[in-house]
Amino acid sequence: MRGAGAAFEAALRADPRSPQAWNNRGNLMLATQRPEAAIACYERALALRADYLEALIGRAGAKKQLQCFDEALAGLNAALALEPRSDHARNNKAVLLLPSAAISKRAGSFTNRAGPPSAP
């Protein structure tokens, strides 16, 4: 990862106004379990290009790592509002919602198995 970090830093030195370079650095931060640093990079990318879909998705992933699930979901919804056909955003949203769907299903199964209360 050190080589990738050096390459991203070189890209930022060459063009500090490149949203792609900031997004790529954010991806590296996310991959190395540094979600706060990743968010800062994604925010820089979005400040340079507000409609940068991959930065919106990346920021949502960093929010998920921080267990800020509502913020992650809001970010993925923003990405889908921008590009409704984005498989990347749709897949990430599905993965984000999967644990809550499983919990709801288990809770429903528990309620269904319990059945109605017995008469005295």
PDB file of N, CA and C in Angstrom:
ATOM      1  N   MET A   1       0.816  -1.197   0.000  1.00  0.00           N
ATOM      2  CA  MET A   1       0.000   0.000   0.000  1.00  0.00           C
ATOM      3  C   MET A   1       0.866   1.271   0.000  1.00  0.00           C
ATOM      4  N   ARG A   2       2.102   1.121   0.465  1.00  0.00           N
ATOM      5  CA  ARG A   2       2.970   2.300   0.496  1.00  0.00           C
ATOM      6  C   ARG A   2       3.196   2.879  -0.885  1.00  0.00           C
ATOM      7  N   GLY A   3       3.383   1.995  -1.859  1.00  0.00           N
ATOM      8  CA  GLY A   3       3.587   2.442  -3.233  1.00  0.00           C
ATOM      9  C   GLY A   3       2.373   3.164  -3.770  1.00  0.00           C
ATOM     10  N   ALA A   4       1.186   2.657  -3.441  1.00  0.00           N
ATOM     11  CA  ALA A   4      -0.053   3.307  -3.886  1.00  0.00           C
ATOM     12  C   ALA A   4      -0.177   4.681  -3.240  1.00  0.00           C
ATOM     13  N   GLY A   5       0.128   4.762  -1.959  1.00  0.00           N
ATOM     14  CA  GLY A   5       0.062   6.051  -1.264  1.00  0.00           C
ATOM     15  C   GLY A   5       0.987   7.071  -1.893  1.00  0.00           C
ATOM     16  N   ALA A   6       2.196   6.657  -2.225  1.00  0.00           N
ATOM     17  CA  ALA A   6       3.151   7.563  -2.857  1.00  0.00           C
ATOM     18  C   ALA A   6       2.653   8.012  -4.226  1.00  0.00           C
ATOM     19  N   ALA A   7       2.045   7.096  -4.956  1.00  0.00           N
ATOM     20  CA  ALA A   7       1.522   7.441  -6.284  1.00  0.00           C
ATOM     21  C   ALA A   7       0.377   8.448  -6.168  1.00  0.00           C
ATOM     22  N   PHE A   8      -0.508   8.246  -5.196  1.00  0.00           N
ATOM     23  CA  PHE A   8      -1.619   9.188  -5.015  1.00  0.00           C
ATOM     24  C   PHE A   8      -1.113  10.554  -4.561  1.00  0.00           C
ATOM     25  N   GLU A   9      -0.123  10.568  -3.691  1.00  0.00           N
ATOM     26  CA  GLU A   9       0.451  11.841  -3.246  1.00  0.00           C
ATOM     27  C   GLU A   9       1.096  12.577  -4.423  1.00  0.00           C
ATOM     28  N   ALA A  10       1.768  11.835  -5.300  1.00  0.00           N
ATOM     29  CA  ALA A  10       2.384  12.445  -6.481  1.00  0.00           C
ATOM     30  C   ALA A  10       1.306  13.018  -7.405  1.00  0.00           C
ATOM     31  N   ALA A  11       0.207  12.294  -7.557  1.00  0.00           N
ATOM     32  CA  ALA A  11      -0.897  12.794  -8.393  1.00  0.00           C
ATOM     33  C   ALA A  11      -1.483  14.073  -7.799  1.00  0.00           C
ATOM     34  N   LEU A  12      -1.596  14.133  -6.486  1.00  0.00           N
ATOM     35  CA  LEU A  12      -2.130  15.346  -5.846  1.00  0.00           C
ATOM     36  C   LEU A  12      -1.162  16.514  -5.954  1.00  0.00           C
ATOM     37  N   ARG A  13       0.127  16.233  -5.875  1.00  0.00           N
ATOM     38  CA  ARG A  13       1.107  17.321  -6.057  1.00  0.00           C
ATOM     39  C   ARG A  13       1.044  17.850  -7.478  1.00  0.00           C
ATOM     40  N   ALA A  14       0.867  16.952  -8.433  1.00  0.00           N
ATOM     41  CA  ALA A  14       0.803  17.356  -9.841  1.00  0.00           C
ATOM     42  C   ALA A  14      -0.463  18.158 -10.123  1.00  0.00           C
ATOM     43  N   ASP A  15      -1.571  17.779  -9.499  1.00  0.00           N
ATOM     44  CA  ASP A  15      -2.842  18.481  -9.732  1.00  0.00           C
ATOM     45  C   ASP A  15      -3.714  18.405  -8.480  1.00  0.00           C
ATOM     46  N   PRO A  16      -3.507  19.321  -7.543  1.00  0.00           N
ATOM     47  CA  PRO A  16      -4.270  19.297  -6.294  1.00  0.00           C
ATOM     48  C   PRO A  16      -5.762  19.588  -6.477  1.00  0.00           C
ATOM     49  N   ARG A  17      -6.160  19.981  -7.685  1.00  0.00           N
ATOM     50  CA  ARG A  17      -7.572  20.250  -7.949  1.00  0.00           C
ATOM     51  C   ARG A  17      -8.235  19.101  -8.718  1.00  0.00           C
ATOM     52  N   SER A  18      -7.617  17.938  -8.651  1.00  0.00           N
ATOM     53  CA  SER A  18      -8.161  16.767  -9.333  1.00  0.00           C
ATOM     54  C   SER A  18      -9.097  16.004  -8.393  1.00  0.00           C
ATOM     55  N   PRO A  19     -10.397  16.018  -8.674  1.00  0.00           N
ATOM     56  CA  PRO A  19     -11.302  15.262  -7.804  1.00  0.00           C
ATOM     57  C   PRO A  19     -11.001  13.760  -7.843  1.00  0.00           C
ATOM     58  N   GLN A  20     -10.547  13.258  -8.981  1.00  0.00           N
ATOM     59  CA  GLN A  20     -10.233  11.838  -9.076  1.00  0.00           C
ATOM     60  C   GLN A  20      -9.066  11.470  -8.166  1.00  0.00           C
ATOM     61  N   ALA A  21      -8.052  12.330  -8.107  1.00  0.00           N
ATOM     62  CA  ALA A  21      -6.903  12.048  -7.243  1.00  0.00           C
ATOM     63  C   ALA A  21      -7.340  12.028  -5.775  1.00  0.00           C
ATOM     64  N   TRP A  22      -8.195  12.965  -5.373  1.00  0.00           N
ATOM     65  CA  TRP A  22      -8.692  12.982  -3.996  1.00  0.00           C
ATOM     66  C   TRP A  22      -9.556  11.757  -3.715  1.00  0.00           C
ATOM     67  N   ASN A  23     -10.375  11.377  -4.674  1.00  0.00           N
ATOM     68  CA  ASN A  23     -11.207  10.188  -4.505  1.00  0.00           C
ATOM     69  C   ASN A  23     -10.335   8.938  -4.365  1.00  0.00           C
ATOM     70  N   ASN A  24      -9.322   8.819  -5.203  1.00  0.00           N
ATOM     71  CA  ASN A  24      -8.433   7.656  -5.128  1.00  0.00           C
ATOM     72  C   ASN A  24      -7.709   7.599  -3.786  1.00  0.00           C
ATOM     73  N   ARG A  25      -7.276   8.753  -3.304  1.00  0.00           N
ATOM     74  CA  ARG A  25      -6.621   8.787  -1.987  1.00  0.00           C
ATOM     75  C   ARG A  25      -7.620   8.374  -0.906  1.00  0.00           C
ATOM     76  N   GLY A  26      -8.877   8.820  -1.039  1.00  0.00           N
ATOM     77  CA  GLY A  26      -9.917   8.400  -0.099  1.00  0.00           C
ATOM     78  C   GLY A  26     -10.105   6.899  -0.112  1.00  0.00           C
ATOM     79  N   ASN A  27     -10.084   6.308  -1.297  1.00  0.00           N
ATOM     80  CA  ASN A  27     -10.214   4.851  -1.406  1.00  0.00           C
ATOM     81  C   ASN A  27      -9.079   4.143  -0.678  1.00  0.00           C
ATOM     82  N   LEU A  28      -7.874   4.682  -0.798  1.00  0.00           N
ATOM     83  CA  LEU A  28      -6.730   4.107  -0.089  1.00  0.00           C
ATOM     84  C   LEU A  28      -6.924   4.221   1.423  1.00  0.00           C
ATOM     85  N   MET A  29      -7.367   5.379   1.875  1.00  0.00           N
ATOM     86  CA  MET A  29      -7.598   5.575   3.309  1.00  0.00           C
ATOM     87  C   MET A  29      -8.660   4.587   3.811  1.00  0.00           C
ATOM     88  N   LEU A  30      -9.697   4.407   3.033  1.00  0.00           N
ATOM     89  CA  LEU A  30     -10.760   3.485   3.411  1.00  0.00           C
ATOM     90  C   LEU A  30     -10.236   2.045   3.460  1.00  0.00           C
ATOM     91  N   ALA A  31      -9.432   1.676   2.479  1.00  0.00           N
ATOM     92  CA  ALA A  31      -8.879   0.324   2.420  1.00  0.00           C
ATOM     93  C   ALA A  31      -7.910   0.044   3.568  1.00  0.00           C
ATOM     94  N   THR A  32      -7.329   1.088   4.131  1.00  0.00           N
ATOM     95  CA  THR A  32      -6.386   0.921   5.233  1.00  0.00           C
ATOM     96  C   THR A  32      -7.033   1.261   6.581  1.00  0.00           C
ATOM     97  N   GLN A  33      -8.364   1.173   6.611  1.00  0.00           N
ATOM     98  CA  GLN A  33      -9.135   1.343   7.847  1.00  0.00           C
ATOM     99  C   GLN A  33      -8.927   2.716   8.497  1.00  0.00           C
ATOM    100  N   ARG A  34      -8.906   3.761   7.665  1.00  0.00           N
ATOM    101  CA  ARG A  34      -8.785   5.135   8.168  1.00  0.00           C
ATOM    102  C   ARG A  34      -9.975   5.939   7.650  1.00  0.00           C
ATOM    103  N   PRO A  35     -11.184   5.627   8.130  1.00  0.00           N
ATOM    104  CA  PRO A  35     -12.388   6.237   7.558  1.00  0.00           C
ATOM    105  C   PRO A  35     -12.478   7.752   7.739  1.00  0.00           C
ATOM    106  N   GLU A  36     -11.967   8.282   8.833  1.00  0.00           N
ATOM    107  CA  GLU A  36     -12.011   9.738   9.010  1.00  0.00           C
ATOM    108  C   GLU A  36     -11.179  10.442   7.949  1.00  0.00           C
ATOM    109  N   ALA A  37      -9.984   9.907   7.690  1.00  0.00           N
ATOM    110  CA  ALA A  37      -9.127  10.483   6.648  1.00  0.00           C
ATOM    111  C   ALA A  37      -9.771  10.298   5.273  1.00  0.00           C
ATOM    112  N   ALA A  38     -10.432   9.158   5.076  1.00  0.00           N
ATOM    113  CA  ALA A  38     -11.120   8.912   3.803  1.00  0.00           C
ATOM    114  C   ALA A  38     -12.210   9.950   3.579  1.00  0.00           C
ATOM    115  N   ILE A  39     -12.988  10.223   4.620  1.00  0.00           N
ATOM    116  CA  ILE A  39     -14.065  11.214   4.493  1.00  0.00           C
ATOM    117  C   ILE A  39     -13.504  12.565   4.101  1.00  0.00           C
ATOM    118  N   ALA A  40     -12.395  12.964   4.709  1.00  0.00           N
ATOM    119  CA  ALA A  40     -11.782  14.253   4.362  1.00  0.00           C
ATOM    120  C   ALA A  40     -11.399  14.289   2.876  1.00  0.00           C
ATOM    121  N   CYS A  41     -10.878  13.182   2.373  1.00  0.00           N
ATOM    122  CA  CYS A  41     -10.504  13.118   0.947  1.00  0.00           C
ATOM    123  C   CYS A  41     -11.736  13.175   0.057  1.00  0.00           C
ATOM    124  N   TYR A  42     -12.763  12.415   0.408  1.00  0.00           N
ATOM    125  CA  TYR A  42     -13.990  12.429  -0.401  1.00  0.00           C
ATOM    126  C   TYR A  42     -14.635  13.811  -0.377  1.00  0.00           C
ATOM    127  N   GLU A  43     -14.583  14.467   0.773  1.00  0.00           N
ATOM    128  CA  GLU A  43     -15.133  15.826   0.861  1.00  0.00           C
ATOM    129  C   GLU A  43     -14.368  16.780  -0.057  1.00  0.00           C
ATOM    130  N   ARG A  44     -13.052  16.633  -0.128  1.00  0.00           N
ATOM    131  CA  ARG A  44     -12.250  17.470  -1.038  1.00  0.00           C
ATOM    132  C   ARG A  44     -12.654  17.204  -2.479  1.00  0.00           C
ATOM    133  N   ALA A  45     -12.823  15.933  -2.823  1.00  0.00           N
ATOM    134  CA  ALA A  45     -13.243  15.589  -4.191  1.00  0.00           C
ATOM    135  C   ALA A  45     -14.605  16.201  -4.500  1.00  0.00           C
ATOM    136  N   LEU A  46     -15.523  16.128  -3.544  1.00  0.00           N
ATOM    137  CA  LEU A  46     -16.871  16.671  -3.764  1.00  0.00           C
ATOM    138  C   LEU A  46     -16.882  18.195  -3.785  1.00  0.00           C
ATOM    139  N   ALA A  47     -15.966  18.818  -3.066  1.00  0.00           N
ATOM    140  CA  ALA A  47     -15.861  20.278  -3.125  1.00  0.00           C
ATOM    141  C   ALA A  47     -15.404  20.721  -4.522  1.00  0.00           C
ATOM    142  N   LEU A  48     -14.607  19.891  -5.160  1.00  0.00           N
ATOM    143  CA  LEU A  48     -14.125  20.204  -6.498  1.00  0.00           C
ATOM    144  C   LEU A  48     -15.130  19.827  -7.577  1.00  0.00           C
ATOM    145  N   ARG A  49     -15.923  18.790  -7.296  1.00  0.00           N
ATOM    146  CA  ARG A  49     -16.932  18.338  -8.256  1.00  0.00           C
ATOM    147  C   ARG A  49     -18.095  17.717  -7.481  1.00  0.00           C
ATOM    148  N   ALA A  50     -19.110  18.508  -7.256  1.00  0.00           N
ATOM    149  CA  ALA A  50     -20.219  18.111  -6.383  1.00  0.00           C
ATOM    150  C   ALA A  50     -20.978  16.888  -6.885  1.00  0.00           C
ATOM    151  N   ASP A  51     -20.926  16.622  -8.171  1.00  0.00           N
ATOM    152  CA  ASP A  51     -21.674  15.489  -8.733  1.00  0.00           C
ATOM    153  C   ASP A  51     -20.787  14.259  -8.961  1.00  0.00           C
ATOM    154  N   TYR A  52     -19.724  14.138  -8.203  1.00  0.00           N
ATOM    155  CA  TYR A  52     -18.794  13.025  -8.375  1.00  0.00           C
ATOM    156  C   TYR A  52     -19.355  11.792  -7.670  1.00  0.00           C
ATOM    157  N   LEU A  53     -19.972  10.942  -8.452  1.00  0.00           N
ATOM    158  CA  LEU A  53     -20.690   9.777  -7.957  1.00  0.00           C
ATOM    159  C   LEU A  53     -19.806   8.877  -7.094  1.00  0.00           C
ATOM    160  N   GLU A  54     -18.613   8.563  -7.560  1.00  0.00           N
ATOM    161  CA  GLU A  54     -17.740   7.644  -6.826  1.00  0.00           C
ATOM    162  C   GLU A  54     -17.329   8.215  -5.468  1.00  0.00           C
ATOM    163  N   ALA A  55     -17.176   9.532  -5.371  1.00  0.00           N
ATOM    164  CA  ALA A  55     -16.845  10.134  -4.079  1.00  0.00           C
ATOM    165  C   ALA A  55     -18.038  10.061  -3.123  1.00  0.00           C
ATOM    166  N   LEU A  56     -19.245  10.231  -3.643  1.00  0.00           N
ATOM    167  CA  LEU A  56     -20.443  10.079  -2.800  1.00  0.00           C
ATOM    168  C   LEU A  56     -20.532   8.650  -2.259  1.00  0.00           C
ATOM    169  N   ILE A  57     -20.274   7.678  -3.121  1.00  0.00           N
ATOM    170  CA  ILE A  57     -20.334   6.273  -2.708  1.00  0.00           C
ATOM    171  C   ILE A  57     -19.209   5.960  -1.723  1.00  0.00           C
ATOM    172  N   GLY A  58     -18.024   6.464  -1.998  1.00  0.00           N
ATOM    173  CA  GLY A  58     -16.896   6.237  -1.094  1.00  0.00           C
ATOM    174  C   GLY A  58     -17.125   6.834   0.276  1.00  0.00           C
ATOM    175  N   ARG A  59     -17.645   8.056   0.306  1.00  0.00           N
ATOM    176  CA  ARG A  59     -17.934   8.699   1.594  1.00  0.00           C
ATOM    177  C   ARG A  59     -18.960   7.874   2.366  1.00  0.00           C
ATOM    178  N   ALA A  60     -19.949   7.335   1.672  1.00  0.00           N
ATOM    179  CA  ALA A  60     -20.941   6.486   2.335  1.00  0.00           C
ATOM    180  C   ALA A  60     -20.269   5.243   2.929  1.00  0.00           C
ATOM    181  N   GLY A  61     -19.327   4.670   2.210  1.00  0.00           N
ATOM    182  CA  GLY A  61     -18.593   3.513   2.730  1.00  0.00           C
ATOM    183  C   GLY A  61     -17.802   3.854   3.980  1.00  0.00           C
ATOM    184  N   ALA A  62     -17.213   5.037   4.000  1.00  0.00           N
ATOM    185  CA  ALA A  62     -16.469   5.469   5.183  1.00  0.00           C
ATOM    186  C   ALA A  62     -17.424   5.691   6.362  1.00  0.00           C
ATOM    187  N   LYS A  63     -18.582   6.267   6.078  1.00  0.00           N
ATOM    188  CA  LYS A  63     -19.580   6.456   7.139  1.00  0.00           C
ATOM    189  C   LYS A  63     -20.029   5.104   7.694  1.00  0.00           C
ATOM    190  N   LYS A  64     -20.158   4.125   6.805  1.00  0.00           N
ATOM    191  CA  LYS A  64     -20.532   2.778   7.247  1.00  0.00           C
ATOM    192  C   LYS A  64     -19.455   2.208   8.163  1.00  0.00           C
ATOM    193  N   GLN A  65     -18.181   2.380   7.789  1.00  0.00           N
ATOM    194  CA  GLN A  65     -17.087   1.887   8.638  1.00  0.00           C
ATOM    195  C   GLN A  65     -17.152   2.519  10.019  1.00  0.00           C
ATOM    196  N   LEU A  66     -17.598   3.757  10.088  1.00  0.00           N
ATOM    197  CA  LEU A  66     -17.718   4.452  11.377  1.00  0.00           C
ATOM    198  C   LEU A  66     -19.033   4.125  12.085  1.00  0.00           C
ATOM    199  N   GLN A  67     -19.822   3.250  11.483  1.00  0.00           N
ATOM    200  CA  GLN A  67     -21.130   2.843  11.990  1.00  0.00           C
ATOM    201  C   GLN A  67     -22.128   4.000  12.047  1.00  0.00           C
ATOM    202  N   CYS A  68     -21.958   4.953  11.146  1.00  0.00           N
ATOM    203  CA  CYS A  68     -22.915   6.054  10.972  1.00  0.00           C
ATOM    204  C   CYS A  68     -23.855   5.635   9.842  1.00  0.00           C
ATOM    205  N   PHE A  69     -24.707   4.664  10.138  1.00  0.00           N
ATOM    206  CA  PHE A  69     -25.495   4.010   9.100  1.00  0.00           C
ATOM    207  C   PHE A  69     -26.508   4.942   8.446  1.00  0.00           C
ATOM    208  N   ASP A  70     -27.134   5.827   9.218  1.00  0.00           N
ATOM    209  CA  ASP A  70     -28.098   6.762   8.621  1.00  0.00           C
ATOM    210  C   ASP A  70     -27.407   7.701   7.643  1.00  0.00           C
ATOM    211  N   GLU A  71     -26.215   8.174   8.010  1.00  0.00           N
ATOM    212  CA  GLU A  71     -25.463   9.056   7.115  1.00  0.00           C
ATOM    213  C   GLU A  71     -24.995   8.301   5.872  1.00  0.00           C
ATOM    214  N   ALA A  72     -24.607   7.052   6.045  1.00  0.00           N
ATOM    215  CA  ALA A  72     -24.196   6.239   4.901  1.00  0.00           C
ATOM    216  C   ALA A  72     -25.370   6.047   3.944  1.00  0.00           C
ATOM    217  N   LEU A  73     -26.536   5.744   4.500  1.00  0.00           N
ATOM    218  CA  LEU A  73     -27.723   5.550   3.674  1.00  0.00           C
ATOM    219  C   LEU A  73     -28.102   6.839   2.950  1.00  0.00           C
ATOM    220  N   ALA A  74     -28.020   7.963   3.646  1.00  0.00           N
ATOM    221  CA  ALA A  74     -28.330   9.252   3.012  1.00  0.00           C
ATOM    222  C   ALA A  74     -27.365   9.517   1.856  1.00  0.00           C
ATOM    223  N   GLY A  75     -26.099   9.184   2.044  1.00  0.00           N
ATOM    224  CA  GLY A  75     -25.115   9.371   0.981  1.00  0.00           C
ATOM    225  C   GLY A  75     -25.389   8.490  -0.229  1.00  0.00           C
ATOM    226  N   LEU A  76     -25.774   7.258   0.021  1.00  0.00           N
ATOM    227  CA  LEU A  76     -26.087   6.364  -1.091  1.00  0.00           C
ATOM    228  C   LEU A  76     -27.365   6.799  -1.792  1.00  0.00           C
ATOM    229  N   ASN A  77     -28.323   7.309  -1.032  1.00  0.00           N
ATOM    230  CA  ASN A  77     -29.540   7.843  -1.658  1.00  0.00           C
ATOM    231  C   ASN A  77     -29.212   9.063  -2.517  1.00  0.00           C
ATOM    232  N   ALA A  78     -28.282   9.898  -2.065  1.00  0.00           N
ATOM    233  CA  ALA A  78     -27.856  11.057  -2.861  1.00  0.00           C
ATOM    234  C   ALA A  78     -27.186  10.585  -4.151  1.00  0.00           C
ATOM    235  N   ALA A  79     -26.376   9.544  -4.041  1.00  0.00           N
ATOM    236  CA  ALA A  79     -25.718   9.001  -5.237  1.00  0.00           C
ATOM    237  C   ALA A  79     -26.758   8.452  -6.210  1.00  0.00           C
ATOM    238  N   LEU A  80     -27.768   7.775  -5.677  1.00  0.00           N
ATOM    239  CA  LEU A  80     -28.805   7.218  -6.544  1.00  0.00           C
ATOM    240  C   LEU A  80     -29.705   8.297  -7.130  1.00  0.00           C
ATOM    241  N   ALA A  81     -29.884   9.393  -6.415  1.00  0.00           N
ATOM    242  CA  ALA A  81     -30.647  10.508  -6.978  1.00  0.00           C
ATOM    243  C   ALA A  81     -29.885  11.102  -8.164  1.00  0.00           C
ATOM    244  N   LEU A  82     -28.581  11.107  -8.057  1.00  0.00           N
ATOM    245  CA  LEU A  82     -27.726  11.630  -9.124  1.00  0.00           C
ATOM    246  C   LEU A  82     -27.675  10.660 -10.314  1.00  0.00           C
ATOM    247  N   GLU A  83     -27.572   9.370 -10.015  1.00  0.00           N
ATOM    248  CA  GLU A  83     -27.459   8.355 -11.058  1.00  0.00           C
ATOM    249  C   GLU A  83     -28.263   7.120 -10.631  1.00  0.00           C
ATOM    250  N   PRO A  84     -29.561   7.122 -10.917  1.00  0.00           N
ATOM    251  CA  PRO A  84     -30.438   6.034 -10.452  1.00  0.00           C
ATOM    252  C   PRO A  84     -30.049   4.642 -10.943  1.00  0.00           C
ATOM    253  N   ARG A  85     -29.317   4.558 -12.037  1.00  0.00           N
ATOM    254  CA  ARG A  85     -28.950   3.250 -12.590  1.00  0.00           C
ATOM    255  C   ARG A  85     -27.578   2.769 -12.130  1.00  0.00           C
ATOM    256  N   SER A  86     -26.991   3.445 -11.165  1.00  0.00           N
ATOM    257  CA  SER A  86     -25.655   3.064 -10.706  1.00  0.00           C
ATOM    258  C   SER A  86     -25.705   1.737  -9.944  1.00  0.00           C
ATOM    259  N   ASP A  87     -25.140   0.716 -10.567  1.00  0.00           N
ATOM    260  CA  ASP A  87     -25.067  -0.585  -9.896  1.00  0.00           C
ATOM    261  C   ASP A  87     -24.211  -0.501  -8.636  1.00  0.00           C
ATOM    262  N   HIS A  88     -23.157   0.292  -8.701  1.00  0.00           N
ATOM    263  CA  HIS A  88     -22.257   0.445  -7.559  1.00  0.00           C
ATOM    264  C   HIS A  88     -23.032   0.996  -6.353  1.00  0.00           C
ATOM    265  N   ALA A  89     -23.800   2.049  -6.558  1.00  0.00           N
ATOM    266  CA  ALA A  89     -24.574   2.635  -5.457  1.00  0.00           C
ATOM    267  C   ALA A  89     -25.672   1.687  -4.993  1.00  0.00           C
ATOM    268  N   ARG A  90     -26.351   1.055  -5.933  1.00  0.00           N
ATOM    269  CA  ARG A  90     -27.432   0.125  -5.556  1.00  0.00           C
ATOM    270  C   ARG A  90     -26.893  -1.061  -4.769  1.00  0.00           C
ATOM    271  N   ASN A  91     -25.782  -1.615  -5.200  1.00  0.00           N
ATOM    272  CA  ASN A  91     -25.194  -2.748  -4.484  1.00  0.00           C
ATOM    273  C   ASN A  91     -24.754  -2.352  -3.085  1.00  0.00           C
ATOM    274  N   ASN A  92     -24.116  -1.197  -2.964  1.00  0.00           N
ATOM    275  CA  ASN A  92     -23.674  -0.747  -1.644  1.00  0.00           C
ATOM    276  C   ASN A  92     -24.861  -0.480  -0.731  1.00  0.00           C
ATOM    277  N   LYS A  93     -25.945   0.048  -1.281  1.00  0.00           N
ATOM    278  CA  LYS A  93     -27.141   0.282  -0.475  1.00  0.00           C
ATOM    279  C   LYS A  93     -27.725  -1.053  -0.009  1.00  0.00           C
ATOM    280  N   ALA A  94     -27.755  -2.032  -0.889  1.00  0.00           N
ATOM    281  CA  ALA A  94     -28.280  -3.345  -0.515  1.00  0.00           C
ATOM    282  C   ALA A  94     -27.445  -3.960   0.607  1.00  0.00           C
ATOM    283  N   VAL A  95     -26.134  -3.859   0.499  1.00  0.00           N
ATOM    284  CA  VAL A  95     -25.251  -4.400   1.536  1.00  0.00           C
ATOM    285  C   VAL A  95     -25.470  -3.664   2.855  1.00  0.00           C
ATOM    286  N   LEU A  96     -25.653  -2.366   2.787  1.00  0.00           N
ATOM    287  CA  LEU A  96     -25.897  -1.580   3.990  1.00  0.00           C
ATOM    288  C   LEU A  96     -27.205  -1.988   4.657  1.00  0.00           C
ATOM    289  N   LEU A  97     -28.231  -2.238   3.854  1.00  0.00           N
ATOM    290  CA  LEU A  97     -29.545  -2.574   4.399  1.00  0.00           C
ATOM    291  C   LEU A  97     -29.684  -4.048   4.769  1.00  0.00           C
ATOM    292  N   LEU A  98     -28.799  -4.889   4.293  1.00  0.00           N
ATOM    293  CA  LEU A  98     -28.904  -6.327   4.524  1.00  0.00           C
ATOM    294  C   LEU A  98     -29.005  -6.691   6.005  1.00  0.00           C
ATOM    295  N   PRO A  99     -28.133  -6.188   6.883  1.00  0.00           N
ATOM    296  CA  PRO A  99     -28.256  -6.574   8.296  1.00  0.00           C
ATOM    297  C   PRO A  99     -29.604  -6.172   8.910  1.00  0.00           C
ATOM    298  N   SER A 100     -30.119  -5.000   8.566  1.00  0.00           N
ATOM    299  CA  SER A 100     -31.395  -4.579   9.151  1.00  0.00           C
ATOM    300  C   SER A 100     -32.539  -5.414   8.602  1.00  0.00           C
ATOM    301  N   ALA A 101     -32.445  -5.843   7.340  1.00  0.00           N
ATOM    302  CA  ALA A 101     -33.479  -6.705   6.765  1.00  0.00           C
ATOM    303  C   ALA A 101     -33.461  -8.066   7.449  1.00  0.00           C
ATOM    304  N   ALA A 102     -32.271  -8.585   7.730  1.00  0.00           N
ATOM    305  CA  ALA A 102     -32.166  -9.884   8.392  1.00  0.00           C
ATOM    306  C   ALA A 102     -32.725  -9.802   9.807  1.00  0.00           C
ATOM    307  N   ILE A 103     -32.444  -8.717  10.502  1.00  0.00           N
ATOM    308  CA  ILE A 103     -32.962  -8.537  11.860  1.00  0.00           C
ATOM    309  C   ILE A 103     -34.481  -8.452  11.830  1.00  0.00           C
ATOM    310  N   SER A 104     -35.022  -7.680  10.898  1.00  0.00           N
ATOM    311  CA  SER A 104     -36.475  -7.557  10.784  1.00  0.00           C
ATOM    312  C   SER A 104     -37.107  -8.902  10.471  1.00  0.00           C
ATOM    313  N   LYS A 105     -36.482  -9.668   9.594  1.00  0.00           N
ATOM    314  CA  LYS A 105     -37.019 -10.976   9.232  1.00  0.00           C
ATOM    315  C   LYS A 105     -36.999 -11.905  10.436  1.00  0.00           C
ATOM    316  N   ARG A 106     -35.882 -11.900  11.175  1.00  0.00           N
ATOM    317  CA  ARG A 106     -35.800 -12.755  12.364  1.00  0.00           C
ATOM    318  C   ARG A 106     -36.838 -12.336  13.397  1.00  0.00           C
ATOM    319  N   ALA A 107     -37.016 -11.031  13.575  1.00  0.00           N
ATOM    320  CA  ALA A 107     -38.006 -10.557  14.548  1.00  0.00           C
ATOM    321  C   ALA A 107     -39.403 -10.981  14.117  1.00  0.00           C
ATOM    322  N   GLY A 108     -39.685 -10.888  12.814  1.00  0.00           N
ATOM    323  CA  GLY A 108     -40.985 -11.311  12.304  1.00  0.00           C
ATOM    324  C   GLY A 108     -41.194 -12.796  12.484  1.00  0.00           C
ATOM    325  N   SER A 109     -40.155 -13.587  12.266  1.00  0.00           N
ATOM    326  CA  SER A 109     -40.260 -15.028  12.451  1.00  0.00           C
ATOM    327  C   SER A 109     -40.520 -15.367  13.904  1.00  0.00           C
ATOM    328  N   PHE A 110     -39.870 -14.661  14.796  1.00  0.00           N
ATOM    329  CA  PHE A 110     -40.068 -14.895  16.227  1.00  0.00           C
ATOM    330  C   PHE A 110     -41.511 -14.595  16.605  1.00  0.00           C
ATOM    331  N   THR A 111     -42.019 -13.471  16.101  1.00  0.00           N
ATOM    332  CA  THR A 111     -43.399 -13.092  16.403  1.00  0.00           C
ATOM    333  C   THR A 111     -44.360 -14.119  15.812  1.00  0.00           C
ATOM    334  N   ASN A 112     -44.126 -14.552  14.603  1.00  0.00           N
ATOM    335  CA  ASN A 112     -45.012 -15.509  13.960  1.00  0.00           C
ATOM    336  C   ASN A 112     -45.008 -16.855  14.685  1.00  0.00           C
ATOM    337  N   ARG A 113     -43.857 -17.292  15.150  1.00  0.00           N
ATOM    338  CA  ARG A 113     -43.759 -18.579  15.842  1.00  0.00           C
ATOM    339  C   ARG A 113     -44.442 -18.521  17.200  1.00  0.00           C
ATOM    340  N   ALA A 114     -44.445 -17.356  17.782  1.00  0.00           N
ATOM    341  CA  ALA A 114     -45.032 -17.237  19.115  1.00  0.00           C
ATOM    342  C   ALA A 114     -46.540 -17.476  19.056  1.00  0.00           C
ATOM    343  N   GLY A 115     -47.172 -17.087  17.956  1.00  0.00           N
ATOM    344  CA  GLY A 115     -48.602 -17.286  17.803  1.00  0.00           C
ATOM    345  C   GLY A 115     -49.404 -16.380  18.724  1.00  0.00           C
ATOM    346  N   PRO A 116     -50.712 -16.486  18.661  1.00  0.00           N
ATOM    347  CA  PRO A 116     -51.558 -15.637  19.491  1.00  0.00           C
ATOM    348  C   PRO A 116     -51.492 -16.076  20.954  1.00  0.00           C
ATOM    349  N   PRO A 117     -51.800 -15.157  21.869  1.00  0.00           N
ATOM    350  CA  PRO A 117     -51.759 -15.518  23.279  1.00  0.00           C
ATOM    351  C   PRO A 117     -52.821 -16.589  23.597  1.00  0.00           C
ATOM    352  N   SER A 118     -52.514 -17.428  24.536  1.00  0.00           N
ATOM    353  CA  SER A 118     -53.445 -18.483  24.937  1.00  0.00           C
ATOM    354  C   SER A 118     -54.523 -17.905  25.847  1.00  0.00           C
ATOM    355  N   ALA A 119     -55.700 -18.491  25.764  1.00  0.00           N
ATOM    356  CA  ALA A 119     -56.782 -18.093  26.664  1.00  0.00           C
ATOM    357  C   ALA A 119     -56.565 -18.745  28.013  1.00  0.00           C
ATOM    358  N   PRO A 120     -56.927 -18.044  29.102  1.00  0.00           N
ATOM    359  CA  PRO A 120     -56.717 -18.655  30.432  1.00  0.00           C
ATOM    360  C   PRO A 120     -57.601 -19.839  30.692  1.00  0.00           C
TER     361      PRO A 120
END
